[in-house]
Amino acid sequence: VSDCEELVNEVNHTTECVTDLLSFEWAEL
């Protein structure tokens, strides 16, 4: 269960980074 939680946290963090990056790209346009 702990490993699953860590994996989910990593995915959530990556998703946040990607979302921020996309938002920044859209703001540039």
N, C-alpha and C. Protein backbone atom coordinates (compact mmCIF):
# COMPACT_ATOMS: atom_id res chain seq x y z
N VAL A 1 0.85 -1.21 0.00
CA VAL A 1 0.00 0.00 0.00
C VAL A 1 0.88 1.24 0.00
N SER A 2 1.95 1.21 0.78
CA SER A 2 2.83 2.37 0.87
C SER A 2 3.43 2.69 -0.49
N ASP A 3 3.88 1.62 -1.20
CA ASP A 3 4.48 1.83 -2.52
C ASP A 3 3.46 2.45 -3.46
N CYS A 4 2.22 1.99 -3.38
CA CYS A 4 1.17 2.53 -4.26
C CYS A 4 0.97 4.01 -3.97
N GLU A 5 0.96 4.36 -2.69
CA GLU A 5 0.76 5.76 -2.32
C GLU A 5 1.90 6.61 -2.86
N GLU A 6 3.13 6.08 -2.75
CA GLU A 6 4.29 6.84 -3.25
C GLU A 6 4.16 7.04 -4.75
N LEU A 7 3.72 5.99 -5.45
CA LEU A 7 3.58 6.08 -6.91
C LEU A 7 2.53 7.12 -7.26
N VAL A 8 1.41 7.10 -6.55
CA VAL A 8 0.34 8.07 -6.79
C VAL A 8 0.84 9.48 -6.54
N ASN A 9 1.60 9.66 -5.47
CA ASN A 9 2.13 10.99 -5.16
C ASN A 9 3.06 11.46 -6.27
N GLU A 10 3.88 10.54 -6.79
CA GLU A 10 4.80 10.92 -7.86
C GLU A 10 4.02 11.33 -9.10
N VAL A 11 2.99 10.55 -9.43
CA VAL A 11 2.17 10.86 -10.61
C VAL A 11 1.47 12.19 -10.43
N ASN A 12 0.93 12.43 -9.24
CA ASN A 12 0.24 13.70 -8.98
C ASN A 12 1.21 14.86 -9.12
N HIS A 13 2.42 14.70 -8.59
CA HIS A 13 3.42 15.76 -8.66
C HIS A 13 3.78 16.03 -10.12
N THR A 14 3.98 14.95 -10.88
CA THR A 14 4.34 15.09 -12.30
C THR A 14 3.21 15.79 -13.05
N THR A 15 1.97 15.40 -12.74
CA THR A 15 0.81 16.00 -13.40
C THR A 15 0.76 17.50 -13.11
N GLU A 16 1.04 17.86 -11.86
CA GLU A 16 1.03 19.28 -11.49
C GLU A 16 2.09 20.03 -12.28
N CYS A 17 3.27 19.44 -12.39
CA CYS A 17 4.37 20.09 -13.14
C CYS A 17 3.98 20.26 -14.60
N VAL A 18 3.40 19.22 -15.19
CA VAL A 18 3.00 19.28 -16.60
C VAL A 18 1.91 20.32 -16.78
N THR A 19 0.94 20.36 -15.86
CA THR A 19 -0.15 21.32 -15.95
C THR A 19 0.39 22.74 -15.87
N ASP A 20 1.32 22.97 -14.93
CA ASP A 20 1.92 24.30 -14.80
C ASP A 20 2.65 24.67 -16.08
N LEU A 21 3.37 23.70 -16.66
CA LEU A 21 4.13 23.96 -17.88
C LEU A 21 3.18 24.30 -19.02
N LEU A 22 2.10 23.54 -19.15
CA LEU A 22 1.13 23.80 -20.22
C LEU A 22 0.47 25.16 -20.02
N SER A 23 0.14 25.48 -18.78
CA SER A 23 -0.49 26.77 -18.49
C SER A 23 0.46 27.89 -18.89
N PHE A 24 1.75 27.72 -18.60
CA PHE A 24 2.75 28.73 -18.95
C PHE A 24 2.83 28.87 -20.46
N GLU A 25 2.83 27.74 -21.17
CA GLU A 25 2.90 27.76 -22.64
C GLU A 25 1.69 28.48 -23.21
N TRP A 26 0.50 28.17 -22.69
CA TRP A 26 -0.73 28.82 -23.19
C TRP A 26 -0.69 30.31 -22.89
N ALA A 27 -0.13 30.69 -21.74
CA ALA A 27 -0.05 32.11 -21.37
C ALA A 27 0.85 32.83 -22.37
N GLU A 28 1.90 32.16 -22.83
CA GLU A 28 2.82 32.77 -23.79
C GLU A 28 2.11 33.03 -25.12
N LEU A 29 1.17 32.14 -25.47
CA LEU A 29 0.44 32.31 -26.73
C LEU A 29 -0.55 33.45 -26.56
